[in-house]
C-alpha atoms as a PDB file:
ATOM      1  CA  UNK A   1      57.756  99.926  76.106  1.00  0.00           C
ATOM      2  CA  UNK A   2      55.860 100.332  72.893  1.00  0.00           C
ATOM      3  CA  UNK A   3      53.884 103.415  71.906  1.00  0.00           C
ATOM      4  CA  UNK A   4      52.345 103.153  68.448  1.00  0.00           C
ATOM      5  CA  UNK A   5      52.042 106.355  66.413  1.00  0.00           C
ATOM      6  CA  UNK A   6      48.422 105.429  65.615  1.00  0.00           C
ATOM      7  CA  UNK A   7      47.318 105.522  69.259  1.00  0.00           C
ATOM      8  CA  UNK A   8      44.988 108.289  70.405  1.00  0.00           C
ATOM      9  CA  UNK A   9      46.344 111.407  72.084  1.00  0.00           C
ATOM     10  CA  UNK A  10      44.678 110.301  75.334  1.00  0.00           C
ATOM     11  CA  UNK A  11      46.466 106.952  75.148  1.00  0.00           C
ATOM     12  CA  UNK A  12      49.803 108.666  74.479  1.00  0.00           C
ATOM     13  CA  UNK A  13      49.203 111.123  77.318  1.00  0.00           C
ATOM     14  CA  UNK A  14      48.496 108.198  79.660  1.00  0.00           C
ATOM     15  CA  UNK A  15      51.655 106.435  78.492  1.00  0.00           C
ATOM     16  CA  UNK A  16      53.842 109.452  79.240  1.00  0.00           C
ATOM     17  CA  UNK A  17      52.118 110.076  82.579  1.00  0.00           C
ATOM     18  CA  UNK A  18      52.882 106.494  83.575  1.00  0.00           C
ATOM     19  CA  UNK A  19      56.437 106.794  82.222  1.00  0.00           C
ATOM     20  CA  UNK A  20      56.923 109.923  84.325  1.00  0.00           C
ATOM     21  CA  UNK A  21      55.712 108.119  87.463  1.00  0.00           C
ATOM     22  CA  UNK A  22      58.060 105.206  86.782  1.00  0.00           C
ATOM     23  CA  UNK A  23      60.929 107.610  86.107  1.00  0.00           C
ATOM     24  CA  UNK A  24      60.495 109.320  89.480  1.00  0.00           C
ATOM     25  CA  UNK A  25      60.543 105.954  91.228  1.00  0.00           C
ATOM     26  CA  UNK A  26      63.984 105.108  89.804  1.00  0.00           C
ATOM     27  CA  UNK A  27      66.584 104.966  92.568  1.00  0.00           C
ATOM     28  CA  UNK A  28      68.678 108.123  92.966  1.00  0.00           C
ATOM     29  CA  UNK A  29      71.729 106.794  91.140  1.00  0.00           C
ATOM     30  CA  UNK A  30      74.280 108.889  89.286  1.00  0.00           C
ATOM     31  CA  UNK A  31      72.939 107.782  85.888  1.00  0.00           C
ATOM     32  CA  UNK A  32      69.545 106.728  84.640  1.00  0.00           C
ATOM     33  CA  UNK A  33      69.037 104.679  81.479  1.00  0.00           C
ATOM     34  CA  UNK A  34      65.687 104.307  79.790  1.00  0.00           C
ATOM     35  CA  UNK A  35      65.220 102.340  76.578  1.00  0.00           C
ATOM     36  CA  UNK A  36      62.195 101.370  74.600  1.00  0.00           C
ATOM     37  CA  UNK A  37      60.245 101.033  71.414  1.00  0.00           C
ATOM     38  CA  UNK A  38      58.825 104.538  71.338  1.00  0.00           C
ATOM     39  CA  UNK A  39      57.892 104.487  67.608  1.00  0.00           C
ATOM     40  CA  UNK A  40      59.487 107.917  67.633  1.00  0.00           C
ATOM     41  CA  UNK A  41      60.982 109.484  64.521  1.00  0.00           C
ATOM     42  CA  UNK A  42      63.024 112.589  65.281  1.00  0.00           C
ATOM     43  CA  UNK A  43      64.300 114.838  62.524  1.00  0.00           C
ATOM     44  CA  UNK A  44      67.595 116.717  62.835  1.00  0.00           C
ATOM     45  CA  UNK A  45      65.962 120.011  63.775  1.00  0.00           C
ATOM     46  CA  UNK A  46      68.115 122.691  65.403  1.00  0.00           C
ATOM     47  CA  UNK A  47      65.759 122.927  68.375  1.00  0.00           C
ATOM     48  CA  UNK A  48      66.270 119.193  69.127  1.00  0.00           C
ATOM     49  CA  UNK A  49      70.096 119.140  68.836  1.00  0.00           C
ATOM     50  CA  UNK A  50      70.836 119.631  72.567  1.00  0.00           C
ATOM     51  CA  UNK A  51      68.788 116.492  73.278  1.00  0.00           C
ATOM     52  CA  UNK A  52      69.488 114.315  70.218  1.00  0.00           C
ATOM     53  CA  UNK A  53      72.778 115.575  68.810  1.00  0.00           C
ATOM     54  CA  UNK A  54      73.442 115.898  65.090  1.00  0.00           C
ATOM     55  CA  UNK A  55      73.481 112.236  64.052  1.00  0.00           C
ATOM     56  CA  UNK A  56      69.820 111.228  63.763  1.00  0.00           C
ATOM     57  CA  UNK A  57      68.466 109.967  60.506  1.00  0.00           C
ATOM     58  CA  UNK A  58      67.001 112.696  58.281  1.00  0.00           C
ATOM     59  CA  UNK A  59      63.411 111.664  58.926  1.00  0.00           C
ATOM     60  CA  UNK A  60      60.362 113.773  59.402  1.00  0.00           C
ATOM     61  CA  UNK A  61      59.508 113.942  63.087  1.00  0.00           C
ATOM     62  CA  UNK A  62      56.276 112.303  64.118  1.00  0.00           C
ATOM     63  CA  UNK A  63      54.130 113.043  67.169  1.00  0.00           C
ATOM     64  CA  UNK A  64      55.896 110.341  69.181  1.00  0.00           C
ATOM     65  CA  UNK A  65      59.255 111.887  68.241  1.00  0.00           C
ATOM     66  CA  UNK A  66      58.234 115.272  69.569  1.00  0.00           C
ATOM     67  CA  UNK A  67      56.878 113.645  72.719  1.00  0.00           C
ATOM     68  CA  UNK A  68      60.069 111.679  73.451  1.00  0.00           C
ATOM     69  CA  UNK A  69      62.253 114.746  72.897  1.00  0.00           C
ATOM     70  CA  UNK A  70      60.008 116.796  75.207  1.00  0.00           C
ATOM     71  CA  UNK A  71      60.146 114.055  77.850  1.00  0.00           C
ATOM     72  CA  UNK A  72      63.933 113.734  77.572  1.00  0.00           C
ATOM     73  CA  UNK A  73      64.426 117.494  77.735  1.00  0.00           C
ATOM     74  CA  UNK A  74      62.189 117.854  80.796  1.00  0.00           C
ATOM     75  CA  UNK A  75      64.189 115.164  82.631  1.00  0.00           C
ATOM     76  CA  UNK A  76      67.652 116.394  81.547  1.00  0.00           C
ATOM     77  CA  UNK A  77      68.151 113.239  79.479  1.00  0.00           C
ATOM     78  CA  UNK A  78      69.899 112.775  76.149  1.00  0.00           C
ATOM     79  CA  UNK A  79      68.661 110.469  73.390  1.00  0.00           C
ATOM     80  CA  UNK A  80      71.913 108.494  73.043  1.00  0.00           C
ATOM     81  CA  UNK A  81      70.652 106.369  70.167  1.00  0.00           C
ATOM     82  CA  UNK A  82      71.093 109.462  67.973  1.00  0.00           C
ATOM     83  CA  UNK A  83      74.346 110.893  69.335  1.00  0.00           C
ATOM     84  CA  UNK A  84      76.928 108.590  67.774  1.00  0.00           C
ATOM     85  CA  UNK A  85      78.289 108.871  64.271  1.00  0.00           C
ATOM     86  CA  UNK A  86      77.444 105.745  62.278  1.00  0.00           C
ATOM     87  CA  UNK A  87      76.550 105.062  58.684  1.00  0.00           C
ATOM     88  CA  UNK A  88      72.782 105.314  58.207  1.00  0.00           C
ATOM     89  CA  UNK A  89      72.516 101.562  57.614  1.00  0.00           C
ATOM     90  CA  UNK A  90      73.684 101.022  61.207  1.00  0.00           C
ATOM     91  CA  UNK A  91      71.199 103.505  62.673  1.00  0.00           C
ATOM     92  CA  UNK A  92      68.050 101.713  61.506  1.00  0.00           C
ATOM     93  CA  UNK A  93      66.280  99.581  64.082  1.00  0.00           C
ATOM     94  CA  UNK A  94      63.104  98.884  62.100  1.00  0.00           C
ATOM     95  CA  UNK A  95      62.658  97.670  58.531  1.00  0.00           C
ATOM     96  CA  UNK A  96      59.337  97.224  56.756  1.00  0.00           C
ATOM     97  CA  UNK A  97      58.351  93.686  55.710  1.00  0.00           C
ATOM     98  CA  UNK A  98      59.126  94.506  52.056  1.00  0.00           C
ATOM     99  CA  UNK A  99      62.602  95.741  53.073  1.00  0.00           C
ATOM    100  CA  UNK A 100      62.147  99.137  51.393  1.00  0.00           C
ATOM    101  CA  UNK A 101      61.460 101.367  54.380  1.00  0.00           C
ATOM    102  CA  UNK A 102      63.908 101.815  57.266  1.00  0.00           C
ATOM    103  CA  UNK A 103      63.389 103.857  60.409  1.00  0.00           C
ATOM    104  CA  UNK A 104      65.058 104.706  63.685  1.00  0.00           C
ATOM    105  CA  UNK A 105      62.197 104.393  66.183  1.00  0.00           C
ATOM    106  CA  UNK A 106      63.680 102.603  69.231  1.00  0.00           C
ATOM    107  CA  UNK A 107      65.697 104.818  71.516  1.00  0.00           C
ATOM    108  CA  UNK A 108      67.950 104.888  74.559  1.00  0.00           C
ATOM    109  CA  UNK A 109      67.738 107.871  76.891  1.00  0.00           C
ATOM    110  CA  UNK A 110      70.399 108.548  79.506  1.00  0.00           C
ATOM    111  CA  UNK A 111      71.055 111.205  82.028  1.00  0.00           C
END
């Protein structure tokens, strides 16, 4: 899945509506795993800690970040890509072409 930050709010709303429909069609197994390129930056804000833990990169949250946290919270999921303690260099999953900008925008949700 890929949800660019530059997309319109209507496009993002449609994406999350479709994601919700897909989520509810998952079989009723003990654990659900959802991964994707959400282009979501999530800052270590106290309100997000129950969903993302304390190990995310210190980025400013973007709209996609808020949306993925809201989705995860509403489905009792945890953003596992931010839970584990690693050096920041091992948390990045996107680097700009000039190599100067690094972000953590791809995520794994479990529950």
